[in-house]
C-alpha atoms as a PDB file:
ATOM      1  CA  MET A   1     -50.521  23.917 -74.580  1.00  0.00           C
ATOM      2  CA  ILE A   2     -47.251  22.107 -74.035  1.00  0.00           C
ATOM      3  CA  LYS A   3     -45.967  21.616 -70.551  1.00  0.00           C
ATOM      4  CA  GLU A   4     -42.291  21.935 -69.809  1.00  0.00           C
ATOM      5  CA  ASN A   5     -40.452  19.095 -68.174  1.00  0.00           C
ATOM      6  CA  THR A   6     -40.323  19.414 -64.428  1.00  0.00           C
ATOM      7  CA  ARG A   7     -36.929  19.529 -62.839  1.00  0.00           C
ATOM      8  CA  PRO A   8     -36.447  18.028 -59.419  1.00  0.00           C
ATOM      9  CA  HIS A   9     -35.146  20.305 -56.671  1.00  0.00           C
ATOM     10  CA  ASP A  10     -32.044  19.339 -54.748  1.00  0.00           C
ATOM     11  CA  PHE A  11     -32.973  18.249 -51.277  1.00  0.00           C
ATOM     12  CA  LYS A  12     -31.056  17.061 -48.253  1.00  0.00           C
ATOM     13  CA  LEU A  13     -32.279  14.315 -46.019  1.00  0.00           C
ATOM     14  CA  HIS A  14     -32.114  14.742 -42.297  1.00  0.00           C
ATOM     15  CA  THR A  15     -30.471  11.323 -42.066  1.00  0.00           C
ATOM     16  CA  GLU A  16     -27.405  12.614 -43.904  1.00  0.00           C
ATOM     17  CA  GLN A  17     -27.037  15.475 -41.437  1.00  0.00           C
ATOM     18  CA  ARG A  18     -27.438  13.069 -38.540  1.00  0.00           C
ATOM     19  CA  ALA A  19     -24.877  10.719 -40.051  1.00  0.00           C
ATOM     20  CA  ILE A  20     -22.327  13.566 -40.248  1.00  0.00           C
ATOM     21  CA  LYS A  21     -23.020  14.632 -36.657  1.00  0.00           C
ATOM     22  CA  ARG A  22     -22.812  11.030 -35.482  1.00  0.00           C
ATOM     23  CA  ALA A  23     -19.478  10.563 -37.278  1.00  0.00           C
ATOM     24  CA  MET A  24     -18.114  13.704 -35.610  1.00  0.00           C
ATOM     25  CA  PHE A  25     -19.352  12.499 -32.216  1.00  0.00           C
ATOM     26  CA  ASN A  26     -17.805   9.049 -32.725  1.00  0.00           C
ATOM     27  CA  TYR A  27     -14.519  10.687 -33.700  1.00  0.00           C
ATOM     28  CA  SER A  28     -14.511  12.893 -30.589  1.00  0.00           C
ATOM     29  CA  VAL A  29     -15.295   9.913 -28.340  1.00  0.00           C
ATOM     30  CA  ALA A  30     -12.552   7.871 -29.997  1.00  0.00           C
ATOM     31  CA  THR A  31     -10.011  10.675 -29.528  1.00  0.00           C
ATOM     32  CA  LYS A  32     -10.989  11.071 -25.847  1.00  0.00           C
ATOM     33  CA  LEU A  33     -10.607   7.328 -25.267  1.00  0.00           C
ATOM     34  CA  PHE A  34      -7.257   7.375 -27.053  1.00  0.00           C
ATOM     35  CA  VAL A  35      -6.031  10.290 -24.906  1.00  0.00           C
ATOM     36  CA  ILE A  36      -7.232   8.565 -21.708  1.00  0.00           C
ATOM     37  CA  GLU A  37      -5.518   5.341 -22.742  1.00  0.00           C
ATOM     38  CA  GLN A  38      -2.271   7.205 -23.487  1.00  0.00           C
ATOM     39  CA  GLN A  39      -2.395   8.912 -20.078  1.00  0.00           C
ATOM     40  CA  LYS A  40      -3.026   5.548 -18.420  1.00  0.00           C
ATOM     41  CA  LYS A  41      -0.037   4.026 -20.243  1.00  0.00           C
ATOM     42  CA  GLN A  42       2.152   6.957 -19.176  1.00  0.00           C
ATOM     43  CA  LYS A  43       1.069   6.557 -15.545  1.00  0.00           C
ATOM     44  CA  GLU A  44       1.755   2.811 -15.668  1.00  0.00           C
ATOM     45  CA  GLN A  45       5.137   3.406 -17.269  1.00  0.00           C
ATOM     46  CA  LEU A  46       6.042   6.020 -14.644  1.00  0.00           C
ATOM     47  CA  HIS A  47       4.845   3.713 -11.853  1.00  0.00           C
ATOM     48  CA  LYS A  48       6.891   0.857 -13.327  1.00  0.00           C
ATOM     49  CA  MET A  49      10.006   3.048 -13.548  1.00  0.00           C
ATOM     50  CA  ILE A  50       9.592   4.165  -9.925  1.00  0.00           C
ATOM     51  CA  GLU A  51       9.101   0.560  -8.825  1.00  0.00           C
ATOM     52  CA  GLU A  52      12.192  -0.585 -10.721  1.00  0.00           C
ATOM     53  CA  GLU A  53      14.220   2.235  -9.158  1.00  0.00           C
ATOM     54  CA  GLU A  54      13.026   1.255  -5.668  1.00  0.00           C
ATOM     55  CA  ILE A  55      13.903  -2.386  -6.341  1.00  0.00           C
ATOM     56  CA  ARG A  56      17.322  -1.352  -7.614  1.00  0.00           C
ATOM     57  CA  LEU A  57      17.959   0.710  -4.471  1.00  0.00           C
ATOM     58  CA  LEU A  58      16.771  -2.131  -2.220  1.00  0.00           C
ATOM     59  CA  ARG A  59      19.056  -4.589  -3.998  1.00  0.00           C
ATOM     60  CA  LYS A  60      21.913  -2.137  -3.656  1.00  0.00           C
ATOM     61  CA  GLU A  61      21.277  -1.898   0.095  1.00  0.00           C
ATOM     62  CA  MET A  62      21.141  -5.684   0.419  1.00  0.00           C
ATOM     63  CA  ILE A  63      24.661  -6.150  -0.937  1.00  0.00           C
ATOM     64  CA  PRO A  64      26.820  -7.174   2.039  1.00  0.00           C
ATOM     65  CA  LYS A  65      29.561  -4.719   2.770  1.00  0.00           C
ATOM     66  CA  ALA A  66      32.814  -5.533   4.532  1.00  0.00           C
ATOM     67  CA  GLN A  67      33.105  -4.340   8.109  1.00  0.00           C
ATOM     68  CA  LEU A  68      36.271  -3.043   9.631  1.00  0.00           C
ATOM     69  CA  MET A  69      38.305  -5.439  11.717  1.00  0.00           C
ATOM     70  CA  PRO A  70      37.965  -4.807  15.443  1.00  0.00           C
ATOM     71  CA  PHE A  71      40.986  -3.564  17.334  1.00  0.00           C
ATOM     72  CA  PHE A  72      42.520  -6.247  19.505  1.00  0.00           C
ATOM     73  CA  ASP A  73      44.963  -3.902  21.212  1.00  0.00           C
ATOM     74  CA  LYS A  74      43.119  -4.114  24.526  1.00  0.00           C
ATOM     75  CA  PRO A  75      41.955  -7.640  25.345  1.00  0.00           C
ATOM     76  CA  PHE A  76      38.548  -7.948  26.976  1.00  0.00           C
ATOM     77  CA  SER A  77      38.663  -8.636  30.688  1.00  0.00           C
ATOM     78  CA  PRO A  78      35.314  -9.098  32.422  1.00  0.00           C
ATOM     79  CA  GLN A  79      34.764  -7.216  35.685  1.00  0.00           C
ATOM     80  CA  ARG A  80      32.645  -8.046  38.650  1.00  0.00           C
ATOM     81  CA  SER A  81      29.313  -6.270  38.890  1.00  0.00           C
ATOM     82  CA  LYS A  82      28.964  -3.486  41.451  1.00  0.00           C
ATOM     83  CA  ARG A  83      25.356  -4.394  42.264  1.00  0.00           C
ATOM     84  CA  PRO A  84      24.706  -6.140  45.572  1.00  0.00           C
ATOM     85  CA  LEU A  85      23.523  -9.738  45.595  1.00  0.00           C
ATOM     86  CA  THR A  86      19.829 -10.403  46.014  1.00  0.00           C
ATOM     87  CA  ILE A  87      18.749 -11.743  49.385  1.00  0.00           C
ATOM     88  CA  PRO A  88      16.248 -14.600  49.115  1.00  0.00           C
ATOM     89  CA  ARG A  89      13.157 -14.501  51.312  1.00  0.00           C
ATOM     90  CA  GLU A  90      10.225 -16.769  51.998  1.00  0.00           C
ATOM     91  CA  PRO A  91       7.034 -16.168  50.033  1.00  0.00           C
ATOM     92  CA  SER A  92       4.126 -14.979  52.164  1.00  0.00           C
ATOM     93  CA  PHE A  93       1.223 -17.308  51.465  1.00  0.00           C
ATOM     94  CA  ARG A  94      -0.788 -15.703  54.251  1.00  0.00           C
ATOM     95  CA  LEU A  95      -1.687 -12.666  52.151  1.00  0.00           C
ATOM     96  CA  MET A  96      -2.636 -14.822  49.204  1.00  0.00           C
ATOM     97  CA  ARG A  97      -4.930 -16.956  51.385  1.00  0.00           C
ATOM     98  CA  THR A  98      -6.845 -13.982  52.762  1.00  0.00           C
ATOM     99  CA  LYS A  99      -7.310 -12.324  49.397  1.00  0.00           C
ATOM    100  CA  SER A 100      -8.400 -15.386  47.454  1.00  0.00           C
ATOM    101  CA  TRP A 101     -10.738 -16.967  50.005  1.00  0.00           C
ATOM    102  CA  ASN A 102     -12.520 -13.772  50.999  1.00  0.00           C
ATOM    103  CA  CYS A 103     -14.305 -13.869  47.668  1.00  0.00           C
ATOM    104  CA  PHE A 104     -16.179 -16.996  48.768  1.00  0.00           C
ATOM    105  CA  PRO A 105     -17.886 -16.323  52.116  1.00  0.00           C
ATOM    106  CA  ASN A 106     -19.126 -19.899  52.716  1.00  0.00           C
ATOM    107  CA  THR A 107     -15.888 -21.821  52.254  1.00  0.00           C
ATOM    108  CA  GLU A 108     -14.789 -24.739  54.363  1.00  0.00           C
ATOM    109  CA  PHE A 109     -11.063 -24.199  53.733  1.00  0.00           C
ATOM    110  CA  GLU A 110     -10.381 -21.320  56.125  1.00  0.00           C
ATOM    111  CA  ALA A 111      -7.149 -21.268  58.075  1.00  0.00           C
END
């Protein structure tokens, strides 16, 4: 009795499947990071453009502009004030003495 040669069956290792899944996962993570980085760059670029525009407007405002010459048709003549003069009066130290020394009942400096 002669035996026939055995033929090996094709088989797939689980490691190959895992390697494919891992490659797909790595690709998806890389694309997400790339998209996030692009969005971040766009935000920075937009922020930079806005900042530059604000600086440009501020510089434009800071440029000195010529003012019109005043009219010298009517010369300035100062006028006396209509308010009455203040009348000086003596300060009343009596009220200050009673208020300040009443805080200390046993003082020797009473008037």
